[in-house]
């Protein structure tokens, strides 16, 4: 099997509840991952502003 787009061999034999549970778990894990990425980006942005990198880039290069 490949790492991406794997197909569950027992998908058709599982019941509706098992498939719904699997979809729910996948959705929850995706939302948790996106939340972690957003939190990391927010923390990096706040650090950037605190350190003054954005002010430096604006003053020297006229960006941001």
C-alpha atoms as a PDB file:
ATOM      1  CA  UNK A   1       0.000   0.000   0.000  1.00  0.00           C
ATOM      2  CA  UNK A   2       1.104   3.521  -0.576  1.00  0.00           C
ATOM      3  CA  UNK A   3       1.414   6.083   2.173  1.00  0.00           C
ATOM      4  CA  UNK A   4      -1.217   8.383   0.701  1.00  0.00           C
ATOM      5  CA  UNK A   5      -4.740   7.556  -0.441  1.00  0.00           C
ATOM      6  CA  UNK A   6      -4.683   4.145   1.214  1.00  0.00           C
ATOM      7  CA  UNK A   7      -7.810   2.090   0.881  1.00  0.00           C
ATOM      8  CA  UNK A   8      -9.108   0.030   3.766  1.00  0.00           C
ATOM      9  CA  UNK A   9      -9.546  -3.561   2.613  1.00  0.00           C
ATOM     10  CA  UNK A  10     -12.425  -4.080   5.061  1.00  0.00           C
ATOM     11  CA  UNK A  11     -14.267  -0.853   4.185  1.00  0.00           C
ATOM     12  CA  UNK A  12     -17.161  -2.570   2.431  1.00  0.00           C
ATOM     13  CA  UNK A  13     -17.548  -5.159   5.181  1.00  0.00           C
ATOM     14  CA  UNK A  14     -17.637  -2.651   8.029  1.00  0.00           C
ATOM     15  CA  UNK A  15     -20.983  -1.326   9.137  1.00  0.00           C
ATOM     16  CA  UNK A  16     -22.266   2.213   8.695  1.00  0.00           C
ATOM     17  CA  UNK A  17     -21.366   3.106  12.275  1.00  0.00           C
ATOM     18  CA  UNK A  18     -17.730   2.028  11.806  1.00  0.00           C
ATOM     19  CA  UNK A  19     -17.404   4.067   8.621  1.00  0.00           C
ATOM     20  CA  UNK A  20     -19.024   7.102  10.257  1.00  0.00           C
ATOM     21  CA  UNK A  21     -16.714   6.775  13.253  1.00  0.00           C
ATOM     22  CA  UNK A  22     -13.667   6.591  10.974  1.00  0.00           C
ATOM     23  CA  UNK A  23     -14.776   9.703   9.097  1.00  0.00           C
ATOM     24  CA  UNK A  24     -15.368  11.541  12.367  1.00  0.00           C
ATOM     25  CA  UNK A  25     -11.921  10.603  13.673  1.00  0.00           C
ATOM     26  CA  UNK A  26     -10.330  11.798  10.433  1.00  0.00           C
ATOM     27  CA  UNK A  27     -12.211  15.112  10.607  1.00  0.00           C
ATOM     28  CA  UNK A  28     -11.305  15.696  14.257  1.00  0.00           C
ATOM     29  CA  UNK A  29      -7.637  14.909  13.645  1.00  0.00           C
ATOM     30  CA  UNK A  30      -7.563  17.251  10.633  1.00  0.00           C
ATOM     31  CA  UNK A  31      -9.130  20.087  12.622  1.00  0.00           C
ATOM     32  CA  UNK A  32      -6.666  19.500  15.468  1.00  0.00           C
ATOM     33  CA  UNK A  33      -3.747  19.619  13.046  1.00  0.00           C
ATOM     34  CA  UNK A  34      -4.964  22.853  11.448  1.00  0.00           C
ATOM     35  CA  UNK A  35      -5.447  24.392  14.900  1.00  0.00           C
ATOM     36  CA  UNK A  36      -1.890  23.449  15.853  1.00  0.00           C
ATOM     37  CA  UNK A  37      -0.536  24.963  12.635  1.00  0.00           C
ATOM     38  CA  UNK A  38      -2.494  28.182  13.216  1.00  0.00           C
ATOM     39  CA  UNK A  39      -1.289  28.412  16.826  1.00  0.00           C
ATOM     40  CA  UNK A  40       2.311  27.905  15.742  1.00  0.00           C
ATOM     41  CA  UNK A  41       1.982  30.554  13.038  1.00  0.00           C
ATOM     42  CA  UNK A  42       0.410  32.967  15.523  1.00  0.00           C
ATOM     43  CA  UNK A  43       3.156  32.396  18.074  1.00  0.00           C
ATOM     44  CA  UNK A  44       5.835  32.855  15.409  1.00  0.00           C
ATOM     45  CA  UNK A  45       4.196  36.082  14.251  1.00  0.00           C
ATOM     46  CA  UNK A  46       4.005  37.470  17.792  1.00  0.00           C
ATOM     47  CA  UNK A  47       7.643  36.540  18.378  1.00  0.00           C
ATOM     48  CA  UNK A  48       8.568  38.209  15.105  1.00  0.00           C
ATOM     49  CA  UNK A  49       6.849  41.407  16.161  1.00  0.00           C
ATOM     50  CA  UNK A  50       8.336  41.290  19.663  1.00  0.00           C
ATOM     51  CA  UNK A  51      11.862  40.858  18.348  1.00  0.00           C
ATOM     52  CA  UNK A  52      11.363  43.704  15.892  1.00  0.00           C
ATOM     53  CA  UNK A  53      12.120  41.862  12.688  1.00  0.00           C
ATOM     54  CA  UNK A  54       9.043  43.307  11.013  1.00  0.00           C
ATOM     55  CA  UNK A  55      10.024  46.862  12.032  1.00  0.00           C
ATOM     56  CA  UNK A  56      13.536  46.282  10.719  1.00  0.00           C
ATOM     57  CA  UNK A  57      12.259  45.002   7.379  1.00  0.00           C
ATOM     58  CA  UNK A  58       9.865  47.910   7.070  1.00  0.00           C
ATOM     59  CA  UNK A  59      12.506  50.508   7.932  1.00  0.00           C
ATOM     60  CA  UNK A  60      15.284  49.063   5.767  1.00  0.00           C
ATOM     61  CA  UNK A  61      13.457  47.506   2.847  1.00  0.00           C
ATOM     62  CA  UNK A  62      10.047  49.172   2.863  1.00  0.00           C
ATOM     63  CA  UNK A  63       8.147  45.902   3.111  1.00  0.00           C
ATOM     64  CA  UNK A  64       5.561  44.831   5.661  1.00  0.00           C
END
